[in-house]
Amino acid sequence: KSLVSPYAKSKGISSSNLDTVQIHSLDDLRQVWTDVVKVKKYRTVIIDSLSMLHESVTGQIMSERGIDTMEQRDWGTLRNRMFKFANVIFNTEGINVICTAHMRKKESPLDGSEKWYPNLTGQFADMAGGFFDFIMFMEPRAGGVRRVYYQPTEKFYAKDRTGLLGQFDDNPTFETILKKLASTNSVLRQQDKEVHTKT
C-alpha cells in the first residue's frame, strides 16, 4: 500500500500493513491530507501524536519570530493555526480521525481539582475537545491490563458523546469498541421502534 502521491512517498511509507507518513509541520499535514482526500481509499487517519504536532507548531512560531519564549500574541497565532488545521481535518466527511496525545495535569474549570488532560496548551487546549466525539484515557494496571475509560473520573478527563460505551473496558481494540457501538446502537434503535409500535 502507499498513498498515490510523490510527496507521501518521499516522506517514507512504512512496509507494514498500515500506510504511514512522517509529519514535521502543519504544512506536511495539509499536503498529506490533500492526498488522502484525493485518493478516496482511506476511511480512517491516525495522527500520532496531537501533542507533538502542537509542540512542532509552537516551535515553528518561535523560530519564525526569533524568540525563545512564547509571548501573548504568539499564543493567538498558535490558536489560529491549530484551529485552521482542525476545521479542515475534522470537517472532512467520510473519514474518521483518531489522535493520540500525551497527558498533563491541570486544574479542572468545573471544580478546581487537578485532573489529567490531553497535553495541549493555550486556548486550543481548552476547546480542542469539542472537535472529538470520544476522548479516551488509557491507564496501565497490574498484570499488563490496559484499562480504557470513556467517562471522566476524579483523576482524569474523558468523554463519550454518544453515551453508548459505558464507563471503561479492559484491553479493548478499535474493532471491539466499534462493535460495541454498533451493538448498543442497534439495541437502542430496536427499543425505540418497539416504543413507537406500542404507542
N, C-alpha and C. Protein backbone atom coordinates (compact mmCIF):
# COMPACT_ATOMS: atom_id res chain seq x y z
N LYS A 1 0.83 -1.20 0.00
CA LYS A 1 0.00 0.00 0.00
C LYS A 1 0.87 1.25 0.00
N SER A 2 0.37 2.30 -0.58
CA SER A 2 1.02 3.60 -0.45
C SER A 2 0.05 4.67 -0.92
N LEU A 3 0.22 5.85 -0.39
CA LEU A 3 -0.54 6.97 -0.91
C LEU A 3 -0.09 7.23 -2.33
N VAL A 4 -1.04 7.49 -3.22
CA VAL A 4 -0.68 7.77 -4.61
C VAL A 4 -0.23 9.22 -4.68
N SER A 5 0.99 9.45 -4.22
CA SER A 5 1.49 10.81 -4.15
C SER A 5 3.01 10.78 -4.04
N PRO A 6 3.72 11.44 -4.94
CA PRO A 6 5.17 11.53 -4.82
C PRO A 6 5.60 12.16 -3.50
N TYR A 7 4.81 13.13 -3.01
CA TYR A 7 5.13 13.78 -1.75
C TYR A 7 5.11 12.75 -0.61
N ALA A 8 4.02 11.96 -0.55
CA ALA A 8 3.91 10.98 0.53
C ALA A 8 5.03 9.95 0.46
N LYS A 9 5.34 9.50 -0.73
CA LYS A 9 6.40 8.50 -0.89
C LYS A 9 7.75 9.07 -0.45
N SER A 10 7.96 10.35 -0.73
CA SER A 10 9.24 10.96 -0.35
C SER A 10 9.39 11.07 1.15
N LYS A 11 8.25 11.02 1.87
CA LYS A 11 8.29 11.13 3.32
C LYS A 11 8.44 9.78 4.00
N GLY A 12 8.41 8.70 3.21
CA GLY A 12 8.72 7.38 3.78
C GLY A 12 7.52 6.58 4.23
N ILE A 13 6.92 5.85 3.32
CA ILE A 13 5.83 4.95 3.67
C ILE A 13 6.41 3.70 4.32
N SER A 14 5.81 3.24 5.40
CA SER A 14 6.33 2.06 6.09
C SER A 14 6.00 0.81 5.29
N SER A 15 6.69 -0.30 5.62
CA SER A 15 6.44 -1.57 4.94
C SER A 15 5.44 -2.44 5.68
N SER A 16 4.82 -1.90 6.73
CA SER A 16 3.81 -2.65 7.49
C SER A 16 2.49 -2.62 6.75
N ASN A 17 1.46 -3.16 7.41
CA ASN A 17 0.13 -3.18 6.80
C ASN A 17 -0.54 -1.82 6.82
N LEU A 18 0.03 -0.88 7.56
CA LEU A 18 -0.52 0.46 7.64
C LEU A 18 0.36 1.43 6.87
N ASP A 19 -0.26 2.29 6.10
CA ASP A 19 0.48 3.35 5.42
C ASP A 19 0.84 4.42 6.44
N THR A 20 2.09 4.82 6.48
CA THR A 20 2.50 5.87 7.43
C THR A 20 3.29 6.94 6.71
N VAL A 21 3.17 8.16 7.18
CA VAL A 21 3.90 9.29 6.64
C VAL A 21 4.45 10.09 7.81
N GLN A 22 5.74 10.42 7.76
CA GLN A 22 6.35 11.21 8.82
C GLN A 22 5.96 12.67 8.65
N ILE A 23 5.37 13.25 9.70
CA ILE A 23 4.90 14.63 9.66
C ILE A 23 5.78 15.49 10.55
N HIS A 24 6.25 16.62 10.02
CA HIS A 24 7.09 17.52 10.81
C HIS A 24 6.47 18.90 11.01
N SER A 25 5.41 19.19 10.29
CA SER A 25 4.81 20.52 10.39
C SER A 25 3.37 20.46 9.90
N LEU A 26 2.64 21.57 10.13
CA LEU A 26 1.27 21.66 9.62
C LEU A 26 1.25 21.66 8.10
N ASP A 27 2.28 22.22 7.48
CA ASP A 27 2.35 22.20 6.02
C ASP A 27 2.42 20.76 5.50
N ASP A 28 3.22 19.92 6.19
CA ASP A 28 3.27 18.49 5.84
C ASP A 28 1.89 17.88 5.92
N LEU A 29 1.21 18.16 7.04
CA LEU A 29 -0.09 17.54 7.29
C LEU A 29 -1.13 18.00 6.26
N ARG A 30 -1.09 19.28 5.92
CA ARG A 30 -2.04 19.79 4.92
C ARG A 30 -1.84 19.10 3.58
N GLN A 31 -0.58 18.89 3.17
CA GLN A 31 -0.30 18.25 1.90
C GLN A 31 -0.73 16.78 1.92
N VAL A 32 -0.42 16.10 3.01
CA VAL A 32 -0.83 14.70 3.14
C VAL A 32 -2.35 14.58 3.15
N TRP A 33 -3.00 15.51 3.85
CA TRP A 33 -4.46 15.45 3.90
C TRP A 33 -5.07 15.66 2.51
N THR A 34 -4.48 16.53 1.73
CA THR A 34 -4.93 16.72 0.34
C THR A 34 -4.82 15.41 -0.42
N ASP A 35 -3.71 14.67 -0.21
CA ASP A 35 -3.52 13.38 -0.85
C ASP A 35 -4.58 12.37 -0.41
N VAL A 36 -4.84 12.35 0.91
CA VAL A 36 -5.80 11.40 1.49
C VAL A 36 -7.18 11.61 0.89
N VAL A 37 -7.61 12.87 0.82
CA VAL A 37 -8.93 13.18 0.27
C VAL A 37 -8.98 12.85 -1.21
N LYS A 38 -7.88 13.10 -1.93
CA LYS A 38 -7.85 12.92 -3.38
C LYS A 38 -7.96 11.44 -3.77
N VAL A 39 -7.24 10.56 -3.07
CA VAL A 39 -7.21 9.16 -3.49
C VAL A 39 -8.46 8.39 -3.10
N LYS A 40 -9.21 8.87 -2.10
CA LYS A 40 -10.50 8.30 -1.72
C LYS A 40 -10.42 6.81 -1.37
N LYS A 41 -9.35 6.38 -0.70
CA LYS A 41 -9.24 4.98 -0.30
C LYS A 41 -9.14 4.80 1.21
N TYR A 42 -9.06 5.91 1.94
CA TYR A 42 -8.87 5.82 3.39
C TYR A 42 -10.14 6.21 4.13
N ARG A 43 -10.54 5.36 5.08
CA ARG A 43 -11.69 5.64 5.93
C ARG A 43 -11.27 6.18 7.29
N THR A 44 -10.02 5.90 7.67
CA THR A 44 -9.53 6.31 8.99
C THR A 44 -8.10 6.83 8.88
N VAL A 45 -7.83 7.94 9.56
CA VAL A 45 -6.49 8.51 9.64
C VAL A 45 -6.14 8.70 11.11
N ILE A 46 -4.93 8.26 11.50
CA ILE A 46 -4.48 8.40 12.89
C ILE A 46 -3.33 9.41 12.93
N ILE A 47 -3.46 10.41 13.78
CA ILE A 47 -2.41 11.40 13.99
C ILE A 47 -1.73 11.09 15.32
N ASP A 48 -0.45 10.72 15.25
CA ASP A 48 0.29 10.28 16.44
C ASP A 48 1.57 11.12 16.56
N SER A 49 1.59 12.11 17.41
CA SER A 49 0.51 12.45 18.32
C SER A 49 0.14 13.93 18.14
N LEU A 50 -1.06 14.26 18.61
CA LEU A 50 -1.53 15.64 18.53
C LEU A 50 -0.65 16.54 19.40
N SER A 51 -0.17 15.99 20.52
CA SER A 51 0.70 16.77 21.41
C SER A 51 1.99 17.18 20.70
N MET A 52 2.60 16.23 19.99
CA MET A 52 3.85 16.53 19.30
C MET A 52 3.64 17.50 18.15
N LEU A 53 2.51 17.38 17.44
CA LEU A 53 2.19 18.32 16.38
C LEU A 53 2.03 19.72 16.96
N HIS A 54 1.35 19.80 18.09
CA HIS A 54 1.15 21.07 18.78
C HIS A 54 2.49 21.70 19.17
N GLU A 55 3.40 20.87 19.69
CA GLU A 55 4.74 21.35 20.06
C GLU A 55 5.51 21.81 18.82
N SER A 56 5.34 21.09 17.71
CA SER A 56 6.03 21.44 16.48
C SER A 56 5.59 22.81 15.97
N VAL A 57 4.28 23.06 16.03
CA VAL A 57 3.76 24.36 15.58
C VAL A 57 4.25 25.47 16.51
N THR A 58 4.30 25.19 17.81
CA THR A 58 4.82 26.16 18.77
C THR A 58 6.28 26.50 18.45
N GLY A 59 7.08 25.46 18.20
CA GLY A 59 8.48 25.67 17.87
C GLY A 59 8.66 26.45 16.57
N GLN A 60 7.79 26.19 15.60
CA GLN A 60 7.87 26.90 14.32
C GLN A 60 7.59 28.39 14.50
N ILE A 61 6.60 28.69 15.35
CA ILE A 61 6.26 30.10 15.60
C ILE A 61 7.43 30.82 16.27
N MET A 62 8.05 30.19 17.26
CA MET A 62 9.18 30.82 17.95
C MET A 62 10.36 30.99 17.01
N SER A 63 10.57 30.00 16.13
CA SER A 63 11.66 30.09 15.16
C SER A 63 11.43 31.24 14.19
N GLU A 64 10.21 31.41 13.71
CA GLU A 64 9.87 32.48 12.79
C GLU A 64 10.10 33.85 13.43
N ARG A 65 9.82 33.93 14.73
CA ARG A 65 9.94 35.22 15.43
C ARG A 65 11.31 35.44 16.04
N GLY A 66 12.14 34.39 16.07
CA GLY A 66 13.47 34.52 16.65
C GLY A 66 13.43 34.71 18.15
N ILE A 67 12.49 33.99 18.83
CA ILE A 67 12.34 34.12 20.29
C ILE A 67 12.49 32.75 20.93
N ASP A 68 12.75 32.76 22.24
CA ASP A 68 12.90 31.51 22.99
C ASP A 68 11.69 31.19 23.85
N THR A 69 10.83 32.18 24.07
CA THR A 69 9.64 32.01 24.91
C THR A 69 8.44 32.62 24.21
N MET A 70 7.34 31.90 24.23
CA MET A 70 6.11 32.40 23.60
C MET A 70 5.62 33.65 24.33
N GLU A 71 5.23 34.67 23.55
CA GLU A 71 4.64 35.88 24.10
C GLU A 71 3.14 35.87 23.83
N GLN A 72 2.43 36.85 24.37
CA GLN A 72 0.97 36.84 24.31
C GLN A 72 0.44 36.72 22.88
N ARG A 73 0.97 37.50 21.97
CA ARG A 73 0.46 37.47 20.59
C ARG A 73 0.77 36.13 19.91
N ASP A 74 1.84 35.45 20.36
CA ASP A 74 2.20 34.17 19.76
C ASP A 74 1.18 33.09 20.10
N TRP A 75 0.60 33.18 21.30
CA TRP A 75 -0.43 32.20 21.66
C TRP A 75 -1.65 32.34 20.74
N GLY A 76 -1.95 33.58 20.34
CA GLY A 76 -3.05 33.79 19.40
C GLY A 76 -2.73 33.18 18.05
N THR A 77 -1.48 33.32 17.61
CA THR A 77 -1.05 32.72 16.35
C THR A 77 -1.15 31.21 16.41
N LEU A 78 -0.73 30.63 17.55
CA LEU A 78 -0.81 29.18 17.74
C LEU A 78 -2.25 28.70 17.67
N ARG A 79 -3.13 29.41 18.38
CA ARG A 79 -4.55 29.05 18.37
C ARG A 79 -5.11 29.08 16.95
N ASN A 80 -4.82 30.14 16.22
CA ASN A 80 -5.38 30.29 14.88
C ASN A 80 -4.89 29.20 13.93
N ARG A 81 -3.61 28.85 14.02
CA ARG A 81 -3.07 27.81 13.14
C ARG A 81 -3.65 26.45 13.47
N MET A 82 -3.78 26.15 14.77
CA MET A 82 -4.32 24.85 15.16
C MET A 82 -5.81 24.73 14.82
N PHE A 83 -6.55 25.82 14.98
CA PHE A 83 -7.97 25.78 14.65
C PHE A 83 -8.19 25.66 13.15
N LYS A 84 -7.34 26.33 12.38
CA LYS A 84 -7.44 26.20 10.93
C LYS A 84 -7.20 24.76 10.50
N PHE A 85 -6.19 24.14 11.11
CA PHE A 85 -5.91 22.72 10.84
C PHE A 85 -7.10 21.86 11.26
N ALA A 86 -7.62 22.09 12.46
CA ALA A 86 -8.71 21.26 12.98
C ALA A 86 -9.97 21.38 12.14
N ASN A 87 -10.29 22.59 11.70
CA ASN A 87 -11.50 22.78 10.91
C ASN A 87 -11.45 22.04 9.58
N VAL A 88 -10.26 21.98 8.99
CA VAL A 88 -10.12 21.25 7.73
C VAL A 88 -10.21 19.75 7.97
N ILE A 89 -9.46 19.25 8.94
CA ILE A 89 -9.39 17.81 9.20
C ILE A 89 -10.73 17.24 9.66
N PHE A 90 -11.32 17.87 10.66
CA PHE A 90 -12.49 17.29 11.30
C PHE A 90 -13.79 17.60 10.57
N ASN A 91 -13.75 18.44 9.56
CA ASN A 91 -14.96 18.72 8.78
C ASN A 91 -14.96 17.99 7.44
N THR A 92 -14.01 17.07 7.26
CA THR A 92 -13.99 16.26 6.04
C THR A 92 -14.92 15.07 6.21
N GLU A 93 -15.93 14.97 5.38
CA GLU A 93 -16.91 13.89 5.52
C GLU A 93 -16.33 12.56 5.06
N GLY A 94 -16.72 11.48 5.74
CA GLY A 94 -16.36 10.13 5.32
C GLY A 94 -15.03 9.63 5.81
N ILE A 95 -14.31 10.41 6.63
CA ILE A 95 -13.01 9.98 7.16
C ILE A 95 -13.02 10.11 8.68
N ASN A 96 -12.77 9.00 9.37
CA ASN A 96 -12.63 9.03 10.82
C ASN A 96 -11.22 9.50 11.18
N VAL A 97 -11.10 10.37 12.16
CA VAL A 97 -9.80 10.88 12.59
C VAL A 97 -9.57 10.48 14.05
N ILE A 98 -8.46 9.80 14.29
CA ILE A 98 -8.08 9.39 15.64
C ILE A 98 -6.77 10.09 15.97
N CYS A 99 -6.71 10.74 17.12
CA CYS A 99 -5.48 11.41 17.56
C CYS A 99 -5.03 10.82 18.89
N THR A 100 -3.75 10.48 18.99
CA THR A 100 -3.19 10.15 20.30
C THR A 100 -2.65 11.44 20.90
N ALA A 101 -2.43 11.42 22.21
CA ALA A 101 -1.90 12.61 22.88
C ALA A 101 -1.22 12.20 24.18
N HIS A 102 -0.17 12.93 24.54
CA HIS A 102 0.41 12.78 25.87
C HIS A 102 -0.54 13.42 26.87
N MET A 103 -0.26 13.21 28.16
CA MET A 103 -1.15 13.75 29.18
C MET A 103 -0.41 14.73 30.08
N ARG A 104 -1.16 15.65 30.68
CA ARG A 104 -0.59 16.54 31.68
C ARG A 104 -1.68 16.91 32.68
N LYS A 105 -1.24 17.22 33.91
CA LYS A 105 -2.20 17.61 34.94
C LYS A 105 -2.49 19.10 34.84
N LYS A 106 -3.76 19.45 34.97
CA LYS A 106 -4.12 20.86 35.04
C LYS A 106 -5.40 20.99 35.84
N GLU A 107 -5.72 22.22 36.21
CA GLU A 107 -6.89 22.47 37.04
C GLU A 107 -8.17 22.36 36.24
N SER A 108 -9.14 21.63 36.78
CA SER A 108 -10.43 21.49 36.12
C SER A 108 -11.19 22.80 36.19
N PRO A 109 -11.76 23.28 35.06
CA PRO A 109 -12.53 24.52 35.08
C PRO A 109 -13.87 24.36 35.81
N LEU A 110 -14.27 23.11 36.07
CA LEU A 110 -15.57 22.86 36.70
C LEU A 110 -15.51 22.94 38.22
N ASP A 111 -14.51 22.27 38.83
CA ASP A 111 -14.46 22.23 40.29
C ASP A 111 -13.11 22.64 40.88
N GLY A 112 -12.15 23.01 40.03
CA GLY A 112 -10.86 23.46 40.53
C GLY A 112 -9.90 22.36 40.92
N SER A 113 -10.32 21.11 40.82
CA SER A 113 -9.45 19.99 41.17
C SER A 113 -8.46 19.72 40.04
N GLU A 114 -7.35 19.05 40.37
CA GLU A 114 -6.37 18.71 39.35
C GLU A 114 -6.74 17.39 38.68
N LYS A 115 -6.74 17.38 37.35
CA LYS A 115 -7.04 16.18 36.58
C LYS A 115 -6.02 16.03 35.46
N TRP A 116 -5.95 14.82 34.92
CA TRP A 116 -5.13 14.58 33.74
C TRP A 116 -5.94 14.93 32.49
N TYR A 117 -5.33 15.74 31.63
CA TYR A 117 -5.94 16.16 30.37
C TYR A 117 -4.96 15.87 29.22
N PRO A 118 -5.45 15.86 27.97
CA PRO A 118 -4.52 15.79 26.84
C PRO A 118 -3.50 16.93 26.91
N ASN A 119 -2.26 16.64 26.62
CA ASN A 119 -1.19 17.62 26.78
C ASN A 119 -1.17 18.61 25.61
N LEU A 120 -1.99 19.64 25.74
CA LEU A 120 -2.05 20.75 24.80
C LEU A 120 -2.01 22.03 25.61
N THR A 121 -1.62 23.14 24.99
CA THR A 121 -1.51 24.39 25.73
C THR A 121 -2.26 25.50 25.02
N GLY A 122 -2.43 26.61 25.73
CA GLY A 122 -3.09 27.77 25.14
C GLY A 122 -4.60 27.58 25.01
N GLN A 123 -5.24 28.47 24.26
CA GLN A 123 -6.69 28.42 24.10
C GLN A 123 -7.14 27.18 23.33
N PHE A 124 -6.30 26.68 22.45
CA PHE A 124 -6.67 25.48 21.71
C PHE A 124 -6.87 24.31 22.65
N ALA A 125 -6.09 24.25 23.74
CA ALA A 125 -6.22 23.16 24.71
C ALA A 125 -7.60 23.14 25.35
N ASP A 126 -8.15 24.32 25.60
CA ASP A 126 -9.46 24.41 26.27
C ASP A 126 -10.62 24.06 25.35
N MET A 127 -10.40 24.17 24.03
CA MET A 127 -11.51 23.98 23.10
C MET A 127 -11.35 22.79 22.17
N ALA A 128 -10.18 22.15 22.20
CA ALA A 128 -9.93 21.04 21.27
C ALA A 128 -10.90 19.89 21.45
N GLY A 129 -11.32 19.64 22.70
CA GLY A 129 -12.23 18.53 22.95
C GLY A 129 -13.53 18.61 22.18
N GLY A 130 -13.92 19.82 21.79
CA GLY A 130 -15.16 19.99 21.05
C GLY A 130 -15.13 19.38 19.67
N PHE A 131 -13.94 19.11 19.14
CA PHE A 131 -13.82 18.51 17.81
C PHE A 131 -14.01 16.99 17.85
N PHE A 132 -13.98 16.40 19.05
CA PHE A 132 -13.99 14.93 19.16
C PHE A 132 -15.29 14.41 19.73
N ASP A 133 -15.75 13.27 19.19
CA ASP A 133 -16.89 12.57 19.77
C ASP A 133 -16.48 11.76 20.99
N PHE A 134 -15.22 11.31 20.99
CA PHE A 134 -14.72 10.50 22.10
C PHE A 134 -13.35 11.00 22.54
N ILE A 135 -13.13 11.07 23.84
CA ILE A 135 -11.80 11.27 24.41
C ILE A 135 -11.60 10.15 25.42
N MET A 136 -10.67 9.25 25.13
CA MET A 136 -10.47 8.06 25.95
C MET A 136 -9.15 8.16 26.70
N PHE A 137 -9.15 7.71 27.94
CA PHE A 137 -7.95 7.73 28.76
C PHE A 137 -7.51 6.30 29.03
N MET A 138 -6.25 5.97 28.69
CA MET A 138 -5.73 4.63 28.92
C MET A 138 -4.86 4.60 30.17
N GLU A 139 -5.18 3.68 31.08
CA GLU A 139 -4.46 3.55 32.34
C GLU A 139 -3.84 2.16 32.45
N PRO A 140 -2.51 2.05 32.49
CA PRO A 140 -1.87 0.74 32.70
C PRO A 140 -2.19 0.23 34.11
N ARG A 141 -2.55 -1.05 34.21
CA ARG A 141 -2.88 -1.64 35.50
C ARG A 141 -2.08 -2.92 35.71
N ALA A 142 -2.25 -3.53 36.87
CA ALA A 142 -1.50 -4.73 37.22
C ALA A 142 -1.79 -5.86 36.23
N GLY A 143 -0.78 -6.71 36.00
CA GLY A 143 -0.96 -7.86 35.13
C GLY A 143 -0.96 -7.53 33.65
N GLY A 144 -0.45 -6.35 33.31
CA GLY A 144 -0.39 -5.98 31.90
C GLY A 144 -1.71 -5.51 31.32
N VAL A 145 -2.71 -5.29 32.17
CA VAL A 145 -4.02 -4.83 31.71
C VAL A 145 -3.95 -3.35 31.35
N ARG A 146 -4.56 -3.01 30.24
CA ARG A 146 -4.68 -1.61 29.84
C ARG A 146 -6.16 -1.23 29.88
N ARG A 147 -6.51 -0.49 30.89
CA ARG A 147 -7.92 -0.09 31.06
C ARG A 147 -8.16 1.23 30.34
N VAL A 148 -9.16 1.25 29.50
CA VAL A 148 -9.52 2.45 28.75
C VAL A 148 -10.84 2.99 29.27
N TYR A 149 -10.81 4.22 29.75
CA TYR A 149 -12.01 4.88 30.30
C TYR A 149 -12.66 5.74 29.23
N TYR A 150 -14.00 5.72 29.25
CA TYR A 150 -14.78 6.52 28.29
C TYR A 150 -15.51 7.66 28.98
N GLN A 151 -15.55 7.64 30.32
CA GLN A 151 -16.23 8.67 31.11
C GLN A 151 -15.22 9.30 32.06
N PRO A 152 -15.39 10.57 32.41
CA PRO A 152 -14.45 11.23 33.32
C PRO A 152 -14.52 10.66 34.73
N THR A 153 -13.42 10.72 35.42
CA THR A 153 -13.37 10.32 36.83
C THR A 153 -12.76 11.48 37.61
N GLU A 154 -12.55 11.27 38.90
CA GLU A 154 -11.94 12.33 39.72
C GLU A 154 -10.47 12.54 39.36
N LYS A 155 -9.86 11.57 38.63
CA LYS A 155 -8.44 11.67 38.30
C LYS A 155 -8.17 12.25 36.91
N PHE A 156 -9.08 12.03 35.96
CA PHE A 156 -8.78 12.44 34.59
C PHE A 156 -10.04 12.77 33.81
N TYR A 157 -9.82 13.42 32.67
CA TYR A 157 -10.91 13.83 31.79
C TYR A 157 -11.09 12.81 30.67
N ALA A 158 -12.33 12.44 30.41
CA ALA A 158 -12.66 11.57 29.28
C ALA A 158 -14.05 11.98 28.79
N LYS A 159 -14.44 11.45 27.63
CA LYS A 159 -15.70 11.91 27.03
C LYS A 159 -16.23 10.88 26.05
N ASP A 160 -17.53 10.62 26.11
CA ASP A 160 -18.23 9.78 25.14
C ASP A 160 -19.50 10.51 24.75
N ARG A 161 -19.47 11.17 23.61
CA ARG A 161 -20.62 11.98 23.20
C ARG A 161 -21.86 11.14 22.95
N THR A 162 -21.67 9.87 22.60
CA THR A 162 -22.82 9.01 22.31
C THR A 162 -23.46 8.44 23.56
N GLY A 163 -22.66 8.29 24.63
CA GLY A 163 -23.17 7.67 25.85
C GLY A 163 -23.40 6.17 25.71
N LEU A 164 -22.78 5.53 24.71
CA LEU A 164 -23.03 4.12 24.42
C LEU A 164 -21.96 3.17 24.93
N LEU A 165 -20.81 3.69 25.34
CA LEU A 165 -19.68 2.82 25.64
C LEU A 165 -19.56 2.39 27.09
N GLY A 166 -20.34 3.01 27.98
CA GLY A 166 -20.21 2.66 29.38
C GLY A 166 -19.06 3.40 30.03
N GLN A 167 -18.58 2.87 31.18
CA GLN A 167 -17.53 3.54 31.95
C GLN A 167 -16.14 3.22 31.44
N PHE A 168 -15.84 1.92 31.24
CA PHE A 168 -14.49 1.53 30.80
C PHE A 168 -14.51 0.12 30.24
N ASP A 169 -13.41 -0.25 29.56
CA ASP A 169 -13.16 -1.63 29.11
C ASP A 169 -11.69 -1.94 29.36
N ASP A 170 -11.40 -3.21 29.60
CA ASP A 170 -10.02 -3.66 29.75
C ASP A 170 -9.52 -4.25 28.43
N ASN A 171 -8.37 -3.77 28.00
CA ASN A 171 -7.71 -4.24 26.77
C ASN A 171 -8.60 -4.20 25.53
N PRO A 172 -9.32 -3.11 25.33
CA PRO A 172 -10.15 -3.04 24.12
C PRO A 172 -9.30 -2.79 22.87
N THR A 173 -9.83 -3.13 21.73
CA THR A 173 -9.24 -2.76 20.45
C THR A 173 -10.24 -1.84 19.76
N PHE A 174 -9.80 -1.17 18.70
CA PHE A 174 -10.75 -0.32 17.98
C PHE A 174 -11.88 -1.16 17.39
N GLU A 175 -11.56 -2.39 17.02
CA GLU A 175 -12.59 -3.28 16.48
C GLU A 175 -13.65 -3.58 17.53
N THR A 176 -13.22 -3.89 18.76
CA THR A 176 -14.20 -4.20 19.80
C THR A 176 -15.01 -2.96 20.20
N ILE A 177 -14.36 -1.80 20.18
CA ILE A 177 -15.08 -0.56 20.51
C ILE A 177 -16.15 -0.27 19.45
N LEU A 178 -15.80 -0.42 18.17
CA LEU A 178 -16.77 -0.17 17.10
C LEU A 178 -17.91 -1.17 17.14
N LYS A 179 -17.60 -2.43 17.46
CA LYS A 179 -18.64 -3.44 17.57
C LYS A 179 -19.58 -3.13 18.73
N LYS A 180 -19.01 -2.64 19.83
CA LYS A 180 -19.83 -2.27 20.99
C LYS A 180 -20.76 -1.12 20.64
N LEU A 181 -20.23 -0.12 19.91
CA LEU A 181 -21.06 1.00 19.48
C LEU A 181 -22.20 0.53 18.58
N ALA A 182 -21.86 -0.33 17.62
CA ALA A 182 -22.86 -0.81 16.67
C ALA A 182 -23.92 -1.65 17.37
N SER A 183 -23.49 -2.52 18.30
CA SER A 183 -24.41 -3.39 19.01
C SER A 183 -25.34 -2.60 19.91
N THR A 184 -24.78 -1.67 20.69
CA THR A 184 -25.60 -0.87 21.60
C THR A 184 -26.56 0.01 20.83
N ASN A 185 -26.09 0.58 19.74
CA ASN A 185 -26.93 1.44 18.92
C ASN A 185 -28.08 0.66 18.31
N SER A 186 -27.80 -0.59 17.92
CA SER A 186 -28.83 -1.45 17.35
C SER A 186 -29.92 -1.76 18.37
N VAL A 187 -29.50 -2.03 19.61
CA VAL A 187 -30.46 -2.31 20.68
C VAL A 187 -31.32 -1.09 20.95
N LEU A 188 -30.70 0.09 20.99
CA LEU A 188 -31.45 1.31 21.24
C LEU A 188 -32.45 1.60 20.13
N ARG A 189 -32.04 1.35 18.88
CA ARG A 189 -32.96 1.55 17.75
C ARG A 189 -34.14 0.60 17.84
N GLN A 190 -33.89 -0.66 18.25
CA GLN A 190 -34.96 -1.64 18.39
C GLN A 190 -35.91 -1.24 19.51
N GLN A 191 -35.36 -0.78 20.64
CA GLN A 191 -36.20 -0.34 21.75
C GLN A 191 -37.06 0.84 21.34
N ASP A 192 -36.47 1.77 20.58
CA ASP A 192 -37.20 2.94 20.12
C ASP A 192 -38.32 2.53 19.18
N LYS A 193 -38.03 1.53 18.32
CA LYS A 193 -39.04 1.02 17.39
C LYS A 193 -40.19 0.38 18.14
N GLU A 194 -39.87 -0.38 19.19
CA GLU A 194 -40.91 -1.05 19.97
C GLU A 194 -41.78 -0.03 20.71
N VAL A 195 -41.16 1.03 21.23
CA VAL A 195 -41.92 2.07 21.91
C VAL A 195 -42.89 2.74 20.96
N HIS A 196 -42.42 3.06 19.74
CA HIS A 196 -43.28 3.70 18.75
C HIS A 196 -44.39 2.76 18.29
N THR A 197 -44.10 1.46 18.24
CA THR A 197 -45.10 0.48 17.84
C THR A 197 -46.23 0.39 18.86
N LYS A 198 -45.84 0.41 20.15
CA LYS A 198 -46.81 0.30 21.22
C LYS A 198 -47.68 1.54 21.31
N THR A 199 -47.11 2.69 21.02
CA THR A 199 -47.88 3.93 21.14
C THR A 199 -48.70 4.17 19.89
